[in-house]
């Protein structure tokens, strides 16, 4: 979560942004998932072409991506249940709103 221009721990940000503490596990799981997806997607560079791209695609760890996605989805779902928020309405425009 970013409240300013620098990335801080969610605990620090949640204090400044007044986020419900129950949302901390969901926020951390989403941050972990975003990091892993970016890391894996970053294996493909703009300058790569042809067989280089195909070779790099083969190095992407889809199992880890799926694992962190499922963990994040479960954490968001649990947070929505705890906060009595409709899960479909809670995630909108790339953000989690509680």
C-alpha atoms as a PDB file:
ATOM      1  CA  UNK A   1       0.000   0.000   0.000  1.00  0.00           C
ATOM      2  CA  UNK A   2       1.266   3.450  -0.780  1.00  0.00           C
ATOM      3  CA  UNK A   3       0.169   6.499   1.145  1.00  0.00           C
ATOM      4  CA  UNK A   4       3.047   8.602  -0.087  1.00  0.00           C
ATOM      5  CA  UNK A   5       5.748   8.247  -2.652  1.00  0.00           C
ATOM      6  CA  UNK A   6       7.781   5.578  -0.892  1.00  0.00           C
ATOM      7  CA  UNK A   7       6.891   1.972  -0.170  1.00  0.00           C
ATOM      8  CA  UNK A   8       6.629   1.179   3.516  1.00  0.00           C
ATOM      9  CA  UNK A   9       5.464  -1.794   5.500  1.00  0.00           C
ATOM     10  CA  UNK A  10       1.718  -2.227   5.539  1.00  0.00           C
ATOM     11  CA  UNK A  11       1.620  -1.845   9.305  1.00  0.00           C
ATOM     12  CA  UNK A  12       3.188   1.614   8.997  1.00  0.00           C
ATOM     13  CA  UNK A  13       0.954   2.584   6.075  1.00  0.00           C
ATOM     14  CA  UNK A  14      -2.196   1.297   7.723  1.00  0.00           C
ATOM     15  CA  UNK A  15      -1.545   3.506  10.732  1.00  0.00           C
ATOM     16  CA  UNK A  16      -1.223   6.582   8.544  1.00  0.00           C
ATOM     17  CA  UNK A  17      -4.057   5.668   6.159  1.00  0.00           C
ATOM     18  CA  UNK A  18      -6.430   4.354   8.808  1.00  0.00           C
ATOM     19  CA  UNK A  19      -6.957   0.965   7.152  1.00  0.00           C
ATOM     20  CA  UNK A  20      -8.727  -1.687   9.194  1.00  0.00           C
ATOM     21  CA  UNK A  21      -6.120  -3.932  10.824  1.00  0.00           C
ATOM     22  CA  UNK A  22      -8.102  -6.966   9.706  1.00  0.00           C
ATOM     23  CA  UNK A  23      -7.080  -6.086   6.135  1.00  0.00           C
ATOM     24  CA  UNK A  24      -3.343  -6.492   6.860  1.00  0.00           C
ATOM     25  CA  UNK A  25      -3.125 -10.179   5.822  1.00  0.00           C
ATOM     26  CA  UNK A  26      -5.003  -9.471   2.581  1.00  0.00           C
ATOM     27  CA  UNK A  27      -2.801  -6.491   1.788  1.00  0.00           C
ATOM     28  CA  UNK A  28       0.353  -8.485   2.462  1.00  0.00           C
ATOM     29  CA  UNK A  29      -0.855 -11.401   0.336  1.00  0.00           C
ATOM     30  CA  UNK A  30      -1.746  -9.025  -2.510  1.00  0.00           C
ATOM     31  CA  UNK A  31       1.673  -7.367  -2.267  1.00  0.00           C
ATOM     32  CA  UNK A  32       3.379 -10.767  -2.339  1.00  0.00           C
ATOM     33  CA  UNK A  33       1.350 -11.809  -5.381  1.00  0.00           C
ATOM     34  CA  UNK A  34       2.116  -8.566  -7.201  1.00  0.00           C
ATOM     35  CA  UNK A  35       5.828  -8.964  -6.481  1.00  0.00           C
ATOM     36  CA  UNK A  36       5.941 -12.554  -7.761  1.00  0.00           C
ATOM     37  CA  UNK A  37       3.912 -11.766 -10.890  1.00  0.00           C
ATOM     38  CA  UNK A  38       6.163  -8.793 -11.679  1.00  0.00           C
ATOM     39  CA  UNK A  39       9.293 -10.879 -11.050  1.00  0.00           C
ATOM     40  CA  UNK A  40       8.120 -13.689 -13.315  1.00  0.00           C
ATOM     41  CA  UNK A  41       6.781 -11.368 -16.041  1.00  0.00           C
ATOM     42  CA  UNK A  42      10.065  -9.457 -15.908  1.00  0.00           C
ATOM     43  CA  UNK A  43      11.823 -12.492 -17.338  1.00  0.00           C
ATOM     44  CA  UNK A  44      10.498 -11.370 -20.716  1.00  0.00           C
ATOM     45  CA  UNK A  45      12.233  -8.199 -21.835  1.00  0.00           C
ATOM     46  CA  UNK A  46      11.063  -5.778 -24.529  1.00  0.00           C
ATOM     47  CA  UNK A  47      14.210  -6.403 -26.556  1.00  0.00           C
ATOM     48  CA  UNK A  48      13.662 -10.175 -26.636  1.00  0.00           C
ATOM     49  CA  UNK A  49      12.428 -11.624 -29.907  1.00  0.00           C
ATOM     50  CA  UNK A  50      11.530 -14.976 -31.429  1.00  0.00           C
ATOM     51  CA  UNK A  51      12.992 -18.064 -29.825  1.00  0.00           C
ATOM     52  CA  UNK A  52      14.483 -16.004 -26.982  1.00  0.00           C
ATOM     53  CA  UNK A  53      10.955 -15.070 -25.881  1.00  0.00           C
ATOM     54  CA  UNK A  54       9.799 -18.674 -26.165  1.00  0.00           C
ATOM     55  CA  UNK A  55      12.785 -19.835 -24.141  1.00  0.00           C
ATOM     56  CA  UNK A  56      12.148 -17.217 -21.431  1.00  0.00           C
ATOM     57  CA  UNK A  57       8.448 -18.126 -21.313  1.00  0.00           C
ATOM     58  CA  UNK A  58       9.529 -21.622 -20.361  1.00  0.00           C
ATOM     59  CA  UNK A  59      11.328 -20.285 -17.281  1.00  0.00           C
ATOM     60  CA  UNK A  60       8.257 -18.606 -15.785  1.00  0.00           C
ATOM     61  CA  UNK A  61       7.222 -20.401 -12.603  1.00  0.00           C
ATOM     62  CA  UNK A  62       3.473 -20.678 -13.147  1.00  0.00           C
ATOM     63  CA  UNK A  63       3.082 -22.883 -10.070  1.00  0.00           C
ATOM     64  CA  UNK A  64       4.370 -20.154  -7.777  1.00  0.00           C
ATOM     65  CA  UNK A  65       2.258 -17.525  -9.550  1.00  0.00           C
ATOM     66  CA  UNK A  66      -0.855 -19.672  -9.089  1.00  0.00           C
ATOM     67  CA  UNK A  67       0.037 -20.346  -5.444  1.00  0.00           C
ATOM     68  CA  UNK A  68       0.458 -16.674  -4.491  1.00  0.00           C
ATOM     69  CA  UNK A  69      -2.667 -15.741  -6.466  1.00  0.00           C
ATOM     70  CA  UNK A  70      -4.737 -18.329  -4.596  1.00  0.00           C
ATOM     71  CA  UNK A  71      -3.311 -17.198  -1.248  1.00  0.00           C
ATOM     72  CA  UNK A  72      -4.176 -13.574  -2.066  1.00  0.00           C
ATOM     73  CA  UNK A  73      -7.656 -14.458  -3.300  1.00  0.00           C
ATOM     74  CA  UNK A  74      -8.331 -16.433  -0.113  1.00  0.00           C
ATOM     75  CA  UNK A  75      -7.080 -13.593   2.094  1.00  0.00           C
ATOM     76  CA  UNK A  76      -9.249 -11.041   0.278  1.00  0.00           C
ATOM     77  CA  UNK A  77     -12.262 -13.349   0.508  1.00  0.00           C
ATOM     78  CA  UNK A  78     -11.754 -13.850   4.247  1.00  0.00           C
ATOM     79  CA  UNK A  79     -11.310 -10.108   4.798  1.00  0.00           C
ATOM     80  CA  UNK A  80     -14.541  -9.424   2.916  1.00  0.00           C
ATOM     81  CA  UNK A  81     -16.375 -11.986   5.052  1.00  0.00           C
ATOM     82  CA  UNK A  82     -15.006 -10.550   8.296  1.00  0.00           C
ATOM     83  CA  UNK A  83     -15.865  -6.989   7.243  1.00  0.00           C
ATOM     84  CA  UNK A  84     -19.259  -8.039   5.847  1.00  0.00           C
ATOM     85  CA  UNK A  85     -18.382  -6.616   2.434  1.00  0.00           C
ATOM     86  CA  UNK A  86     -19.671  -7.996  -0.854  1.00  0.00           C
ATOM     87  CA  UNK A  87     -16.534  -9.499  -2.400  1.00  0.00           C
ATOM     88  CA  UNK A  88     -17.538  -8.607  -5.950  1.00  0.00           C
ATOM     89  CA  UNK A  89     -18.048  -4.971  -4.990  1.00  0.00           C
ATOM     90  CA  UNK A  90     -14.984  -4.777  -2.731  1.00  0.00           C
ATOM     91  CA  UNK A  91     -12.352  -5.161  -5.449  1.00  0.00           C
ATOM     92  CA  UNK A  92     -12.716  -2.466  -8.055  1.00  0.00           C
ATOM     93  CA  UNK A  93     -10.282  -0.669 -10.313  1.00  0.00           C
ATOM     94  CA  UNK A  94      -7.271  -2.585  -9.072  1.00  0.00           C
ATOM     95  CA  UNK A  95      -7.801  -1.726  -5.409  1.00  0.00           C
ATOM     96  CA  UNK A  96      -9.393  -3.246  -2.353  1.00  0.00           C
ATOM     97  CA  UNK A  97     -11.960  -0.951  -0.776  1.00  0.00           C
ATOM     98  CA  UNK A  98     -13.311  -1.696   2.687  1.00  0.00           C
END
